[in-house]
C-alpha atoms as a PDB file:
ATOM      1  CA  MET A   1      27.120   5.420 -67.303  1.00  0.00           C
ATOM      2  CA  SER A   2      24.625   6.305 -64.579  1.00  0.00           C
ATOM      3  CA  GLU A   3      24.837   9.444 -62.513  1.00  0.00           C
ATOM      4  CA  GLY A   4      26.962   7.712 -59.891  1.00  0.00           C
ATOM      5  CA  PRO A   5      30.426   8.823 -58.771  1.00  0.00           C
ATOM      6  CA  ALA A   6      33.363   8.906 -61.170  1.00  0.00           C
ATOM      7  CA  ILE A   7      35.357   6.835 -58.664  1.00  0.00           C
ATOM      8  CA  SER A   8      33.943   4.858 -55.749  1.00  0.00           C
ATOM      9  CA  ILE A   9      36.245   3.462 -53.044  1.00  0.00           C
ATOM     10  CA  ARG A  10      34.897   1.312 -50.223  1.00  0.00           C
ATOM     11  CA  ASN A  11      36.869  -0.084 -47.252  1.00  0.00           C
ATOM     12  CA  LEU A  12      40.107  -0.120 -49.246  1.00  0.00           C
ATOM     13  CA  VAL A  13      43.006  -1.783 -47.452  1.00  0.00           C
ATOM     14  CA  LYS A  14      46.537  -2.324 -48.675  1.00  0.00           C
ATOM     15  CA  ARG A  15      49.104  -3.993 -46.454  1.00  0.00           C
ATOM     16  CA  TYR A  16      52.450  -4.773 -48.034  1.00  0.00           C
ATOM     17  CA  ALA A  17      54.157  -8.056 -47.263  1.00  0.00           C
ATOM     18  CA  GLY A  18      56.684  -7.993 -44.439  1.00  0.00           C
ATOM     19  CA  GLU A  19      59.912  -9.896 -44.018  1.00  0.00           C
ATOM     20  CA  LYS A  20      59.824 -13.549 -42.897  1.00  0.00           C
ATOM     21  CA  GLY A  21      56.054 -13.624 -42.641  1.00  0.00           C
ATOM     22  CA  ALA A  22      55.793 -10.582 -40.363  1.00  0.00           C
ATOM     23  CA  PRO A  23      53.016  -8.048 -41.078  1.00  0.00           C
ATOM     24  CA  GLY A  24      54.208  -5.387 -43.488  1.00  0.00           C
ATOM     25  CA  LYS A  25      53.402  -1.673 -43.717  1.00  0.00           C
ATOM     26  CA  LEU A  26      49.727  -0.780 -43.672  1.00  0.00           C
ATOM     27  CA  ALA A  27      49.629   1.722 -46.544  1.00  0.00           C
ATOM     28  CA  LEU A  28      45.839   2.133 -46.768  1.00  0.00           C
ATOM     29  CA  ASP A  29      43.632   1.573 -43.731  1.00  0.00           C
ATOM     30  CA  ASP A  30      39.914   1.094 -44.486  1.00  0.00           C
ATOM     31  CA  VAL A  31      39.672   4.062 -46.877  1.00  0.00           C
ATOM     32  CA  SER A  32      36.235   4.928 -48.275  1.00  0.00           C
ATOM     33  CA  PHE A  33      35.196   7.931 -50.370  1.00  0.00           C
ATOM     34  CA  ASP A  34      33.617   8.915 -53.701  1.00  0.00           C
ATOM     35  CA  VAL A  35      34.917  11.242 -56.387  1.00  0.00           C
ATOM     36  CA  PRO A  36      31.923  13.074 -57.918  1.00  0.00           C
ATOM     37  CA  GLN A  37      31.639  13.357 -61.675  1.00  0.00           C
ATOM     38  CA  GLY A  38      32.629  16.535 -63.461  1.00  0.00           C
ATOM     39  CA  GLY A  39      34.714  18.306 -60.829  1.00  0.00           C
ATOM     40  CA  ILE A  40      38.333  18.696 -59.792  1.00  0.00           C
ATOM     41  CA  PHE A  41      38.997  16.529 -56.751  1.00  0.00           C
ATOM     42  CA  GLY A  42      42.070  17.068 -54.574  1.00  0.00           C
ATOM     43  CA  LEU A  43      43.814  14.127 -52.902  1.00  0.00           C
ATOM     44  CA  LEU A  44      46.233  15.507 -50.329  1.00  0.00           C
ATOM     45  CA  GLY A  45      48.533  14.105 -47.686  1.00  0.00           C
ATOM     46  CA  PRO A  46      52.122  14.214 -46.411  1.00  0.00           C
ATOM     47  CA  ASN A  47      54.874  12.105 -47.957  1.00  0.00           C
ATOM     48  CA  GLY A  48      54.234   8.437 -47.206  1.00  0.00           C
ATOM     49  CA  ALA A  49      50.563   9.037 -46.433  1.00  0.00           C
ATOM     50  CA  GLY A  50      49.309   6.471 -48.976  1.00  0.00           C
ATOM     51  CA  LYS A  51      48.412   8.700 -51.938  1.00  0.00           C
ATOM     52  CA  SER A  52      50.671   6.941 -54.433  1.00  0.00           C
ATOM     53  CA  THR A  53      49.489   3.519 -53.258  1.00  0.00           C
ATOM     54  CA  LEU A  54      45.896   4.601 -53.843  1.00  0.00           C
ATOM     55  CA  ILE A  55      46.643   5.987 -57.299  1.00  0.00           C
ATOM     56  CA  ASN A  56      48.627   2.893 -58.271  1.00  0.00           C
ATOM     57  CA  THR A  57      45.670   0.788 -57.127  1.00  0.00           C
ATOM     58  CA  LEU A  58      43.406   2.751 -59.480  1.00  0.00           C
ATOM     59  CA  ALA A  59      45.943   2.257 -62.270  1.00  0.00           C
ATOM     60  CA  GLY A  60      46.121  -1.500 -61.670  1.00  0.00           C
ATOM     61  CA  LEU A  61      49.787  -1.381 -60.645  1.00  0.00           C
ATOM     62  CA  VAL A  62      49.172  -2.306 -56.988  1.00  0.00           C
ATOM     63  CA  MET A  63      46.955  -5.186 -55.899  1.00  0.00           C
ATOM     64  CA  LYS A  64      44.731  -4.195 -52.985  1.00  0.00           C
ATOM     65  CA  THR A  65      44.511  -6.388 -49.903  1.00  0.00           C
ATOM     66  CA  SER A  66      40.746  -5.933 -49.549  1.00  0.00           C
ATOM     67  CA  GLY A  67      37.927  -3.548 -50.338  1.00  0.00           C
ATOM     68  CA  GLN A  68      36.115  -2.457 -53.471  1.00  0.00           C
ATOM     69  CA  VAL A  69      37.100   0.101 -56.106  1.00  0.00           C
ATOM     70  CA  SER A  70      35.006   1.166 -59.099  1.00  0.00           C
ATOM     71  CA  ILE A  71      35.959   3.587 -61.866  1.00  0.00           C
ATOM     72  CA  TRP A  72      33.112   5.063 -63.912  1.00  0.00           C
ATOM     73  CA  GLY A  73      30.891   2.269 -62.594  1.00  0.00           C
ATOM     74  CA  PHE A  74      33.302  -0.556 -63.458  1.00  0.00           C
ATOM     75  CA  ASP A  75      34.698  -2.691 -60.646  1.00  0.00           C
ATOM     76  CA  ILE A  76      38.479  -2.978 -61.036  1.00  0.00           C
ATOM     77  CA  ASP A  77      38.331  -6.703 -60.193  1.00  0.00           C
ATOM     78  CA  LYS A  78      35.219  -7.774 -62.084  1.00  0.00           C
ATOM     79  CA  ASN A  79      35.606  -5.513 -65.126  1.00  0.00           C
ATOM     80  CA  MET A  80      39.277  -4.576 -65.200  1.00  0.00           C
ATOM     81  CA  ARG A  81      39.449  -3.790 -68.927  1.00  0.00           C
ATOM     82  CA  ASN A  82      36.648  -1.221 -68.886  1.00  0.00           C
ATOM     83  CA  ALA A  83      37.871   0.243 -65.594  1.00  0.00           C
ATOM     84  CA  LYS A  84      41.305   0.850 -67.105  1.00  0.00           C
ATOM     85  CA  ARG A  85      39.798   2.400 -70.225  1.00  0.00           C
ATOM     86  CA  ALA A  86      37.867   4.832 -68.036  1.00  0.00           C
ATOM     87  CA  ILE A  87      40.946   6.392 -66.429  1.00  0.00           C
ATOM     88  CA  GLY A  88      44.076   8.178 -67.592  1.00  0.00           C
ATOM     89  CA  ILE A  89      47.069   8.549 -65.281  1.00  0.00           C
ATOM     90  CA  VAL A  90      49.644  11.340 -65.526  1.00  0.00           C
ATOM     91  CA  PRO A  91      52.596  10.171 -63.404  1.00  0.00           C
ATOM     92  CA  GLN A  92      55.005  12.417 -61.570  1.00  0.00           C
ATOM     93  CA  GLU A  93      57.977  10.955 -63.438  1.00  0.00           C
ATOM     94  CA  ILE A  94      58.549  11.880 -67.069  1.00  0.00           C
ATOM     95  CA  PHE A  95      59.068   8.800 -69.192  1.00  0.00           C
ATOM     96  CA  PHE A  96      58.678   7.905 -72.870  1.00  0.00           C
ATOM     97  CA  ASP A  97      61.053   6.848 -75.633  1.00  0.00           C
ATOM     98  CA  PRO A  98      63.218   9.927 -76.349  1.00  0.00           C
ATOM     99  CA  PHE A  99      63.675   8.864 -79.981  1.00  0.00           C
ATOM    100  CA  PHE A 100      59.949   8.850 -80.743  1.00  0.00           C
ATOM    101  CA  THR A 101      58.228  12.010 -81.877  1.00  0.00           C
ATOM    102  CA  PRO A 102      55.266  13.282 -79.831  1.00  0.00           C
ATOM    103  CA  PHE A 103      52.964  12.082 -82.608  1.00  0.00           C
ATOM    104  CA  GLU A 104      54.501   8.598 -82.442  1.00  0.00           C
ATOM    105  CA  VAL A 105      54.266   8.556 -78.638  1.00  0.00           C
ATOM    106  CA  LEU A 106      50.533   9.161 -78.830  1.00  0.00           C
ATOM    107  CA  GLU A 107      49.990   6.753 -81.716  1.00  0.00           C
ATOM    108  CA  ASN A 108      51.802   3.956 -79.877  1.00  0.00           C
ATOM    109  CA  GLN A 109      49.873   4.598 -76.674  1.00  0.00           C
ATOM    110  CA  ALA A 110      46.577   4.585 -78.570  1.00  0.00           C
ATOM    111  CA  GLY A 111      47.577   1.277 -80.104  1.00  0.00           C
ATOM    112  CA  LEU A 112      48.219  -0.203 -76.670  1.00  0.00           C
ATOM    113  CA  TYR A 113      44.675   0.727 -75.698  1.00  0.00           C
ATOM    114  CA  GLY A 114      43.291  -0.828 -78.856  1.00  0.00           C
ATOM    115  CA  VAL A 115      42.099   2.436 -80.382  1.00  0.00           C
ATOM    116  CA  ALA A 116      41.527   1.834 -84.096  1.00  0.00           C
ATOM    117  CA  LYS A 117      43.569   4.103 -86.386  1.00  0.00           C
ATOM    118  CA  PRO A 118      40.543   5.956 -87.808  1.00  0.00           C
ATOM    119  CA  LEU A 119      39.494   6.821 -84.233  1.00  0.00           C
ATOM    120  CA  ARG A 120      42.836   8.084 -82.991  1.00  0.00           C
ATOM    121  CA  ARG A 121      43.092  11.761 -82.039  1.00  0.00           C
ATOM    122  CA  SER A 122      46.857  12.238 -81.882  1.00  0.00           C
ATOM    123  CA  MET A 123      47.048  15.549 -83.734  1.00  0.00           C
ATOM    124  CA  GLU A 124      43.927  16.862 -82.005  1.00  0.00           C
ATOM    125  CA  LEU A 125      45.458  16.081 -78.603  1.00  0.00           C
ATOM    126  CA  LEU A 126      48.752  17.708 -79.579  1.00  0.00           C
ATOM    127  CA  GLN A 127      46.801  20.820 -80.519  1.00  0.00           C
ATOM    128  CA  ASP A 128      44.960  20.700 -77.173  1.00  0.00           C
ATOM    129  CA  VAL A 129      48.276  20.665 -75.256  1.00  0.00           C
ATOM    130  CA  HIS A 130      49.846  23.256 -77.607  1.00  0.00           C
ATOM    131  CA  LEU A 131      52.405  20.865 -79.107  1.00  0.00           C
ATOM    132  CA  ALA A 132      51.127  20.602 -82.692  1.00  0.00           C
ATOM    133  CA  ASP A 133      54.218  22.388 -83.990  1.00  0.00           C
ATOM    134  CA  LYS A 134      56.411  19.770 -82.279  1.00  0.00           C
ATOM    135  CA  ALA A 135      54.561  16.747 -83.645  1.00  0.00           C
ATOM    136  CA  LYS A 136      57.514  15.541 -85.743  1.00  0.00           C
ATOM    137  CA  SER A 137      60.348  16.551 -83.387  1.00  0.00           C
ATOM    138  CA  TYR A 138      62.180  13.999 -81.270  1.00  0.00           C
ATOM    139  CA  SER A 139      60.687  13.909 -77.773  1.00  0.00           C
ATOM    140  CA  ARG A 140      64.163  14.300 -76.262  1.00  0.00           C
ATOM    141  CA  THR A 141      64.356  17.819 -77.725  1.00  0.00           C
ATOM    142  CA  LEU A 142      61.267  19.037 -75.863  1.00  0.00           C
ATOM    143  CA  SER A 143      61.560  21.319 -72.863  1.00  0.00           C
ATOM    144  CA  GLY A 144      60.472  20.120 -69.441  1.00  0.00           C
ATOM    145  CA  GLY A 145      57.165  21.925 -69.748  1.00  0.00           C
ATOM    146  CA  MET A 146      56.483  20.425 -73.156  1.00  0.00           C
ATOM    147  CA  LYS A 147      57.223  16.943 -71.822  1.00  0.00           C
ATOM    148  CA  ARG A 148      54.738  17.475 -68.997  1.00  0.00           C
ATOM    149  CA  ARG A 149      52.061  18.504 -71.478  1.00  0.00           C
ATOM    150  CA  LEU A 150      52.863  15.495 -73.649  1.00  0.00           C
ATOM    151  CA  LEU A 151      52.269  13.232 -70.639  1.00  0.00           C
ATOM    152  CA  VAL A 152      48.799  14.760 -70.258  1.00  0.00           C
ATOM    153  CA  ALA A 153      48.046  14.101 -73.935  1.00  0.00           C
ATOM    154  CA  LYS A 154      49.389  10.549 -73.584  1.00  0.00           C
ATOM    155  CA  ALA A 155      46.987   9.904 -70.703  1.00  0.00           C
ATOM    156  CA  MET A 156      44.049  11.069 -72.851  1.00  0.00           C
ATOM    157  CA  VAL A 157      44.611   9.003 -76.030  1.00  0.00           C
ATOM    158  CA  HIS A 158      41.766   6.610 -75.180  1.00  0.00           C
ATOM    159  CA  SER A 159      39.407   9.472 -74.224  1.00  0.00           C
ATOM    160  CA  PRO A 160      38.974   8.486 -70.563  1.00  0.00           C
ATOM    161  CA  PRO A 161      36.310  10.350 -68.585  1.00  0.00           C
ATOM    162  CA  VAL A 162      38.615  10.447 -65.524  1.00  0.00           C
ATOM    163  CA  LEU A 163      42.111  11.980 -65.460  1.00  0.00           C
ATOM    164  CA  VAL A 164      44.458  11.514 -62.479  1.00  0.00           C
ATOM    165  CA  LEU A 165      47.467  13.803 -62.105  1.00  0.00           C
ATOM    166  CA  ASP A 166      50.083  12.703 -59.573  1.00  0.00           C
ATOM    167  CA  GLU A 167      52.142  15.710 -58.431  1.00  0.00           C
ATOM    168  CA  PRO A 168      52.164  17.217 -61.960  1.00  0.00           C
ATOM    169  CA  THR A 169      53.894  20.447 -60.906  1.00  0.00           C
ATOM    170  CA  ALA A 170      56.551  18.987 -58.604  1.00  0.00           C
ATOM    171  CA  GLY A 171      59.849  20.738 -59.274  1.00  0.00           C
ATOM    172  CA  VAL A 172      58.598  22.923 -62.122  1.00  0.00           C
ATOM    173  CA  ASP A 173      58.724  26.696 -62.405  1.00  0.00           C
ATOM    174  CA  VAL A 174      55.861  29.110 -61.814  1.00  0.00           C
ATOM    175  CA  GLU A 175      55.088  29.697 -65.508  1.00  0.00           C
ATOM    176  CA  LEU A 176      54.877  25.975 -66.243  1.00  0.00           C
ATOM    177  CA  ARG A 177      52.594  25.446 -63.270  1.00  0.00           C
ATOM    178  CA  ARG A 178      50.293  28.151 -64.623  1.00  0.00           C
ATOM    179  CA  GLN A 179      50.252  26.548 -68.084  1.00  0.00           C
ATOM    180  CA  LEU A 180      49.474  23.111 -66.674  1.00  0.00           C
ATOM    181  CA  TRP A 181      46.596  24.389 -64.563  1.00  0.00           C
ATOM    182  CA  GLU A 182      45.126  26.244 -67.522  1.00  0.00           C
ATOM    183  CA  LEU A 183      45.286  23.010 -69.518  1.00  0.00           C
ATOM    184  CA  VAL A 184      43.698  20.974 -66.715  1.00  0.00           C
ATOM    185  CA  SER A 185      40.936  23.565 -66.265  1.00  0.00           C
ATOM    186  CA  GLU A 186      40.210  23.441 -70.008  1.00  0.00           C
ATOM    187  CA  MET A 187      39.886  19.648 -69.925  1.00  0.00           C
ATOM    188  CA  ASN A 188      37.646  19.816 -66.873  1.00  0.00           C
ATOM    189  CA  ALA A 189      35.447  22.370 -68.652  1.00  0.00           C
ATOM    190  CA  GLN A 190      35.067  19.805 -71.454  1.00  0.00           C
ATOM    191  CA  GLY A 191      33.617  17.290 -68.965  1.00  0.00           C
ATOM    192  CA  VAL A 192      36.684  15.376 -67.772  1.00  0.00           C
ATOM    193  CA  THR A 193      36.688  14.543 -64.057  1.00  0.00           C
ATOM    194  CA  VAL A 194      40.103  15.440 -62.637  1.00  0.00           C
ATOM    195  CA  VAL A 195      41.786  13.923 -59.564  1.00  0.00           C
ATOM    196  CA  LEU A 196      44.811  15.890 -58.433  1.00  0.00           C
ATOM    197  CA  THR A 197      47.540  15.221 -55.905  1.00  0.00           C
ATOM    198  CA  THR A 198      49.848  18.096 -55.062  1.00  0.00           C
ATOM    199  CA  HIS A 199      52.053  19.451 -52.300  1.00  0.00           C
ATOM    200  CA  TYR A 200      51.213  23.011 -53.368  1.00  0.00           C
ATOM    201  CA  LEU A 201      48.236  23.547 -51.095  1.00  0.00           C
ATOM    202  CA  GLU A 202      47.416  26.970 -52.522  1.00  0.00           C
ATOM    203  CA  GLU A 203      46.853  25.259 -55.888  1.00  0.00           C
ATOM    204  CA  ALA A 204      44.477  22.735 -54.372  1.00  0.00           C
ATOM    205  CA  GLU A 205      42.608  25.501 -52.578  1.00  0.00           C
ATOM    206  CA  GLU A 206      42.185  27.467 -55.801  1.00  0.00           C
ATOM    207  CA  LEU A 207      41.422  24.612 -58.210  1.00  0.00           C
ATOM    208  CA  CYS A 208      39.604  21.866 -56.319  1.00  0.00           C
ATOM    209  CA  ASP A 209      35.870  21.661 -55.689  1.00  0.00           C
ATOM    210  CA  ARG A 210      36.352  18.949 -53.079  1.00  0.00           C
ATOM    211  CA  ILE A 211      39.348  17.692 -51.116  1.00  0.00           C
ATOM    212  CA  ALA A 212      40.181  14.424 -49.364  1.00  0.00           C
ATOM    213  CA  ILE A 213      43.144  14.238 -46.998  1.00  0.00           C
ATOM    214  CA  ILE A 214      44.961  10.981 -46.237  1.00  0.00           C
ATOM    215  CA  ASN A 215      47.478  10.619 -43.432  1.00  0.00           C
ATOM    216  CA  HIS A 216      49.238   7.415 -42.353  1.00  0.00           C
ATOM    217  CA  GLY A 217      46.895   5.447 -44.609  1.00  0.00           C
ATOM    218  CA  LYS A 218      43.695   6.798 -43.061  1.00  0.00           C
ATOM    219  CA  LEU A 219      41.148   9.140 -44.590  1.00  0.00           C
ATOM    220  CA  ILE A 220      40.965  12.080 -42.177  1.00  0.00           C
ATOM    221  CA  ALA A 221      38.916  14.554 -44.224  1.00  0.00           C
ATOM    222  CA  ASN A 222      36.607  14.526 -47.235  1.00  0.00           C
ATOM    223  CA  GLN A 223      34.673  17.753 -47.717  1.00  0.00           C
ATOM    224  CA  SER A 224      34.051  20.526 -50.161  1.00  0.00           C
ATOM    225  CA  THR A 225      36.919  23.004 -50.169  1.00  0.00           C
ATOM    226  CA  ARG A 226      34.680  25.670 -48.669  1.00  0.00           C
ATOM    227  CA  GLU A 227      33.554  23.389 -45.827  1.00  0.00           C
ATOM    228  CA  LEU A 228      37.110  22.264 -45.149  1.00  0.00           C
ATOM    229  CA  LEU A 229      38.360  25.831 -44.844  1.00  0.00           C
ATOM    230  CA  ALA A 230      35.474  26.601 -42.488  1.00  0.00           C
ATOM    231  CA  THR A 231      36.780  23.987 -40.025  1.00  0.00           C
ATOM    232  CA  ALA A 232      39.778  26.165 -39.200  1.00  0.00           C
ATOM    233  CA  ARG A 233      39.371  27.410 -35.657  1.00  0.00           C
ATOM    234  CA  GLU A 234      42.031  30.106 -35.588  1.00  0.00           C
ATOM    235  CA  LYS A 235      41.614  33.584 -37.027  1.00  0.00           C
ATOM    236  CA  VAL A 236      44.055  36.503 -37.152  1.00  0.00           C
ATOM    237  CA  VAL A 237      43.567  40.267 -36.938  1.00  0.00           C
ATOM    238  CA  VAL A 238      46.393  42.633 -37.846  1.00  0.00           C
ATOM    239  CA  LEU A 239      46.235  45.910 -35.932  1.00  0.00           C
ATOM    240  CA  THR A 240      48.083  49.160 -36.609  1.00  0.00           C
ATOM    241  CA  LEU A 241      48.259  51.140 -33.373  1.00  0.00           C
ATOM    242  CA  ASP A 242      48.715  54.855 -32.685  1.00  0.00           C
ATOM    243  CA  ARG A 243      52.208  54.657 -31.206  1.00  0.00           C
ATOM    244  CA  ASP A 244      55.392  52.619 -31.114  1.00  0.00           C
ATOM    245  CA  LEU A 245      55.085  49.501 -29.022  1.00  0.00           C
ATOM    246  CA  SER A 246      57.056  49.181 -25.807  1.00  0.00           C
ATOM    247  CA  GLY A 247      54.929  46.225 -24.692  1.00  0.00           C
ATOM    248  CA  LEU A 248      52.306  43.992 -26.292  1.00  0.00           C
ATOM    249  CA  PRO A 249      48.587  43.894 -25.513  1.00  0.00           C
ATOM    250  CA  GLU A 250      47.635  40.885 -23.400  1.00  0.00           C
ATOM    251  CA  HIS A 251      44.324  39.123 -22.810  1.00  0.00           C
ATOM    252  CA  ALA A 252      43.080  35.641 -21.972  1.00  0.00           C
ATOM    253  CA  CYS A 253      41.168  35.471 -25.262  1.00  0.00           C
ATOM    254  CA  PHE A 254      44.371  35.847 -27.302  1.00  0.00           C
ATOM    255  CA  LEU A 255      45.963  32.609 -28.491  1.00  0.00           C
ATOM    256  CA  ARG A 256      48.993  34.567 -29.670  1.00  0.00           C
ATOM    257  CA  CYS A 257      50.035  38.201 -29.944  1.00  0.00           C
ATOM    258  CA  GLU A 258      53.077  38.941 -32.097  1.00  0.00           C
ATOM    259  CA  LYS A 259      54.797  42.221 -32.945  1.00  0.00           C
ATOM    260  CA  THR A 260      55.190  42.564 -36.734  1.00  0.00           C
ATOM    261  CA  GLY A 261      56.334  46.189 -36.934  1.00  0.00           C
ATOM    262  CA  GLU A 262      57.029  49.222 -34.778  1.00  0.00           C
ATOM    263  CA  ARG A 263      53.286  49.861 -34.489  1.00  0.00           C
ATOM    264  CA  THR A 264      51.680  46.651 -35.793  1.00  0.00           C
ATOM    265  CA  VAL A 265      50.660  43.433 -34.061  1.00  0.00           C
ATOM    266  CA  GLU A 266      49.081  40.179 -35.199  1.00  0.00           C
ATOM    267  CA  ILE A 267      46.608  38.716 -32.736  1.00  0.00           C
ATOM    268  CA  THR A 268      45.416  35.123 -33.168  1.00  0.00           C
ATOM    269  CA  TYR A 269      42.199  34.003 -31.498  1.00  0.00           C
ATOM    270  CA  ASN A 270      39.773  31.070 -31.520  1.00  0.00           C
ATOM    271  CA  LYS A 271      36.771  32.108 -33.575  1.00  0.00           C
ATOM    272  CA  ASP A 272      34.550  29.561 -31.786  1.00  0.00           C
ATOM    273  CA  THR A 273      34.967  31.313 -28.432  1.00  0.00           C
ATOM    274  CA  THR A 274      35.921  34.877 -29.335  1.00  0.00           C
ATOM    275  CA  ASN A 275      34.939  37.403 -31.987  1.00  0.00           C
ATOM    276  CA  ALA A 276      36.913  40.246 -33.543  1.00  0.00           C
ATOM    277  CA  GLY A 277      34.958  42.856 -31.602  1.00  0.00           C
ATOM    278  CA  GLU A 278      36.087  41.390 -28.286  1.00  0.00           C
ATOM    279  CA  VAL A 279      39.706  41.383 -29.472  1.00  0.00           C
ATOM    280  CA  LEU A 280      39.537  45.044 -30.505  1.00  0.00           C
ATOM    281  CA  ALA A 281      37.801  46.055 -27.294  1.00  0.00           C
ATOM    282  CA  SER A 282      40.427  44.313 -25.160  1.00  0.00           C
ATOM    283  CA  VAL A 283      43.244  46.105 -27.004  1.00  0.00           C
ATOM    284  CA  GLN A 284      41.546  49.506 -26.618  1.00  0.00           C
ATOM    285  CA  SER A 285      40.892  48.868 -22.912  1.00  0.00           C
ATOM    286  CA  GLN A 286      44.661  48.665 -22.422  1.00  0.00           C
ATOM    287  CA  GLY A 287      45.129  52.243 -23.659  1.00  0.00           C
ATOM    288  CA  PHE A 288      45.910  51.562 -27.321  1.00  0.00           C
ATOM    289  CA  ALA A 289      44.165  53.489 -30.092  1.00  0.00           C
ATOM    290  CA  ILE A 290      43.601  51.430 -33.247  1.00  0.00           C
ATOM    291  CA  VAL A 291      44.506  53.181 -36.508  1.00  0.00           C
ATOM    292  CA  ASP A 292      43.843  50.314 -38.949  1.00  0.00           C
ATOM    293  CA  VAL A 293      42.476  46.757 -38.894  1.00  0.00           C
ATOM    294  CA  THR A 294      42.872  43.913 -41.372  1.00  0.00           C
ATOM    295  CA  THR A 295      41.999  40.243 -41.023  1.00  0.00           C
ATOM    296  CA  LYS A 296      43.617  37.050 -42.236  1.00  0.00           C
ATOM    297  CA  GLU A 297      41.386  34.106 -43.063  1.00  0.00           C
ATOM    298  CA  ALA A 298      42.660  30.588 -42.495  1.00  0.00           C
ATOM    299  CA  ASP A 299      43.930  28.869 -45.619  1.00  0.00           C
ATOM    300  CA  LEU A 300      44.176  25.221 -46.602  1.00  0.00           C
ATOM    301  CA  GLU A 301      47.680  24.959 -45.182  1.00  0.00           C
ATOM    302  CA  ASP A 302      46.379  25.846 -41.724  1.00  0.00           C
ATOM    303  CA  VAL A 303      43.689  23.168 -41.949  1.00  0.00           C
ATOM    304  CA  PHE A 304      46.109  20.602 -43.395  1.00  0.00           C
ATOM    305  CA  VAL A 305      48.687  21.090 -40.643  1.00  0.00           C
ATOM    306  CA  SER A 306      46.023  20.959 -37.942  1.00  0.00           C
ATOM    307  CA  LEU A 307      44.517  17.706 -39.251  1.00  0.00           C
ATOM    308  CA  THR A 308      47.693  15.814 -40.110  1.00  0.00           C
ATOM    309  CA  SER A 309      49.524  16.679 -36.892  1.00  0.00           C
ATOM    310  CA  ALA A 310      46.788  15.054 -34.808  1.00  0.00           C
ATOM    311  CA  VAL A 311      46.629  11.607 -36.453  1.00  0.00           C
ATOM    312  CA  GLN A 312      48.298   8.564 -34.956  1.00  0.00           C
ATOM    313  CA  VAL A 313      50.324   6.108 -37.028  1.00  0.00           C
ATOM    314  CA  PRO A 314      48.520   2.787 -37.735  1.00  0.00           C
ATOM    315  CA  VAL A 315      50.331  -0.550 -37.307  1.00  0.00           C
END
């Protein structure tokens, strides 16, 4: 493999068939981006944005209408077998035969990928996902968290260099989410490129090196996490004043001024046109003494809401 991207997507279009020959839903509209090797890449978007269609296209479960997709340098049309061997998919839904043991689940999956018995790593993978002590138990007896970890091991039986996780923490508790992210971070540290979709934006902000956002089938952002956060225009200062508030400070440079306590206010301003010094000076000029100042930086949720609320629906 050359030093190209782990996944390359060019002008990807998927339009589903409509009824009685009418055009169907345009799920992906001329999407193009690369997933760099070796990082954790976030793929975000609202429900119905096209994320699942894109992932199912990578998995070979959805046939694209047009465009080109390569995984680890292998075109999914021209070299489908190698493309599929280069990627592991962890679906949102938990499914495997409940009467198989975790060891049998991994052995069967390895067999489906044509991995010769001497080359199979079933016990090693179970150790990696902390399920070695459950190797001979029926899968139906595993807890929800254990089943999630087994799905990760199942996706790795053929040692793919790319791992895609589709909403892996949807509906799970905080402790399980922590365990899953530790596991994913360990695999990434071992050289696996990870593609993650999630609705928990704070997770994406913490874990991902780069983030792409899809809305209504269109790619609306594809930047490093740091660069994406820097696009947020709004900034907030929280002020503690010297007396109880009977009225709020007002100024044209304030986007919003909200009372959050008897003596505290949150002032939102546009950082492109105003700086914190101007905000503080305007408050002091109205007779308020400032006892304490803290700031709130924009987070990924702020950027996400701003971007997705401005995109029109394609037809």
